[in-house]
Amino acid sequence: MASSNDFGAAARELRESRLVVLLRSATDAIVLSARHSRIVAGAGRVARDWRSLSAVARLRVIALTIAVAAAAHVVLEMLVPRHLAPTVPPLLWVAVGIISAAVAAAARPPSCH
């Protein structure tokens, strides 16, 4: 049976290995970067703002995002030569955009009777 001294020596050897030191340094750098990142802070603010929206406002935001993405898809698809264009017809994206815009326009808060 191995003695506890052998285990301690093996653990010390592992802790001091170049790979472990490199991984620990990389992890520390990533954590420090995330802590001071404007992007991470901005994402946190967006998440807080999103949670503060009502369900109807969230539905409108999602529907409008889909409508804009579908319209952009149609416009970008016009720039691609026909023989290279995706097989999905542009009319489908137009329909998706119209339906999404209709959902955004029709979203109403629930009424209390």
Protein backbone atom coordinates (compact mmCIF):
# COMPACT_ATOMS: atom_id res chain seq x y z
CA MET A 1 0.00 0.00 0.00
CA ALA A 2 1.32 3.44 -0.92
CA SER A 3 2.15 5.78 1.92
CA SER A 4 0.54 9.21 2.29
CA ASN A 5 3.98 10.69 1.60
CA ASP A 6 3.90 9.14 -1.89
CA PHE A 7 0.47 10.65 -2.51
CA GLY A 8 1.65 14.07 -1.31
CA ALA A 9 4.68 13.93 -3.59
CA ALA A 10 2.53 12.95 -6.56
CA ALA A 11 0.04 15.75 -5.83
CA ARG A 12 2.87 18.27 -5.49
CA GLU A 13 4.41 17.05 -8.76
CA LEU A 14 1.05 17.42 -10.52
CA ARG A 15 0.44 20.93 -9.09
CA GLU A 16 3.86 22.06 -10.25
CA SER A 17 3.60 20.53 -13.73
CA ARG A 18 3.78 22.94 -16.64
CA LEU A 19 0.38 21.90 -17.98
CA VAL A 20 -1.41 22.54 -14.68
CA VAL A 21 0.40 25.86 -14.18
CA LEU A 22 -0.50 26.88 -17.74
CA LEU A 23 -4.16 25.89 -17.31
CA ARG A 24 -4.39 27.69 -13.96
CA SER A 25 -2.82 30.84 -15.44
CA ALA A 26 -5.17 30.73 -18.45
CA THR A 27 -8.19 30.29 -16.19
CA ASP A 28 -7.10 33.20 -14.00
CA ALA A 29 -6.64 35.41 -17.07
CA ILE A 30 -10.09 34.50 -18.42
CA VAL A 31 -11.78 35.16 -15.07
CA LEU A 32 -9.98 38.49 -14.70
CA SER A 33 -10.89 39.49 -18.26
CA ALA A 34 -14.55 38.58 -17.73
CA ARG A 35 -14.61 40.54 -14.47
CA HIS A 36 -13.45 43.72 -16.25
CA SER A 37 -15.20 43.15 -19.59
CA ARG A 38 -17.59 45.77 -20.91
CA ILE A 39 -19.28 43.11 -23.03
CA VAL A 40 -20.04 40.94 -19.99
CA ALA A 41 -21.30 43.99 -18.08
CA GLY A 42 -23.44 44.99 -21.07
CA ALA A 43 -24.87 41.50 -21.32
CA GLY A 44 -25.78 41.68 -17.64
CA ARG A 45 -27.57 44.98 -18.17
CA VAL A 46 -29.45 43.57 -21.17
CA ALA A 47 -30.48 40.52 -19.11
CA ARG A 48 -31.76 42.76 -16.27
CA ASP A 49 -33.65 44.96 -18.74
CA TRP A 50 -35.13 41.88 -20.43
CA ARG A 51 -36.37 40.51 -17.11
CA SER A 52 -38.01 43.84 -16.32
CA LEU A 53 -40.13 43.76 -19.52
CA SER A 54 -43.69 42.50 -19.45
CA ALA A 55 -44.59 39.30 -21.30
CA VAL A 56 -46.31 41.33 -24.04
CA ALA A 57 -43.25 43.54 -24.54
CA ARG A 58 -41.02 40.44 -24.72
CA LEU A 59 -43.33 38.92 -27.34
CA ARG A 60 -43.19 42.12 -29.39
CA VAL A 61 -39.39 42.25 -29.20
CA ILE A 62 -39.06 38.62 -30.27
CA ALA A 63 -41.59 38.99 -33.11
CA LEU A 64 -39.97 42.18 -34.40
CA THR A 65 -36.52 40.56 -34.24
CA ILE A 66 -37.79 37.65 -36.33
CA ALA A 67 -39.46 40.03 -38.81
CA VAL A 68 -36.28 42.08 -39.24
CA ALA A 69 -34.14 38.94 -39.58
CA ALA A 70 -36.49 37.55 -42.24
CA ALA A 71 -36.43 40.83 -44.18
CA ALA A 72 -32.63 40.96 -43.98
CA HIS A 73 -32.50 37.36 -45.18
CA VAL A 74 -34.58 38.23 -48.25
CA VAL A 75 -32.41 41.27 -49.05
CA LEU A 76 -29.18 39.32 -48.63
CA GLU A 77 -30.55 36.44 -50.69
CA MET A 78 -31.08 38.87 -53.59
CA LEU A 79 -27.33 39.51 -53.61
CA VAL A 80 -26.48 35.84 -54.09
CA PRO A 81 -26.47 34.44 -57.64
CA ARG A 82 -29.53 32.25 -58.32
CA HIS A 83 -27.52 29.06 -58.82
CA LEU A 84 -25.81 29.55 -55.43
CA ALA A 85 -28.88 30.65 -53.49
CA PRO A 86 -30.33 28.41 -50.77
CA THR A 87 -33.25 26.19 -51.71
CA VAL A 88 -35.60 27.98 -49.32
CA PRO A 89 -37.73 30.34 -51.44
CA PRO A 90 -37.61 34.04 -50.54
CA LEU A 91 -41.41 34.03 -50.36
CA LEU A 92 -41.15 31.85 -47.25
CA TRP A 93 -39.02 34.51 -45.54
CA VAL A 94 -41.50 37.19 -46.60
CA ALA A 95 -44.31 35.14 -45.06
CA VAL A 96 -42.33 34.62 -41.85
CA GLY A 97 -41.67 38.38 -41.66
CA ILE A 98 -45.32 39.28 -42.24
CA ILE A 99 -46.55 36.78 -39.66
CA SER A 100 -44.00 37.98 -37.11
CA ALA A 101 -44.92 41.61 -37.71
CA ALA A 102 -48.61 40.70 -37.30
CA VAL A 103 -47.88 38.95 -34.01
CA ALA A 104 -45.97 42.00 -32.79
CA ALA A 105 -48.82 44.30 -33.81
CA ALA A 106 -51.53 42.09 -32.28
CA ALA A 107 -49.79 41.53 -28.93
CA ARG A 108 -51.92 43.06 -26.21
CA PRO A 109 -51.72 42.84 -22.45
CA PRO A 110 -54.29 40.54 -20.91
CA SER A 111 -57.46 42.40 -20.02
CA CYS A 112 -58.96 42.16 -16.54
CA HIS A 113 -62.72 41.78 -16.57
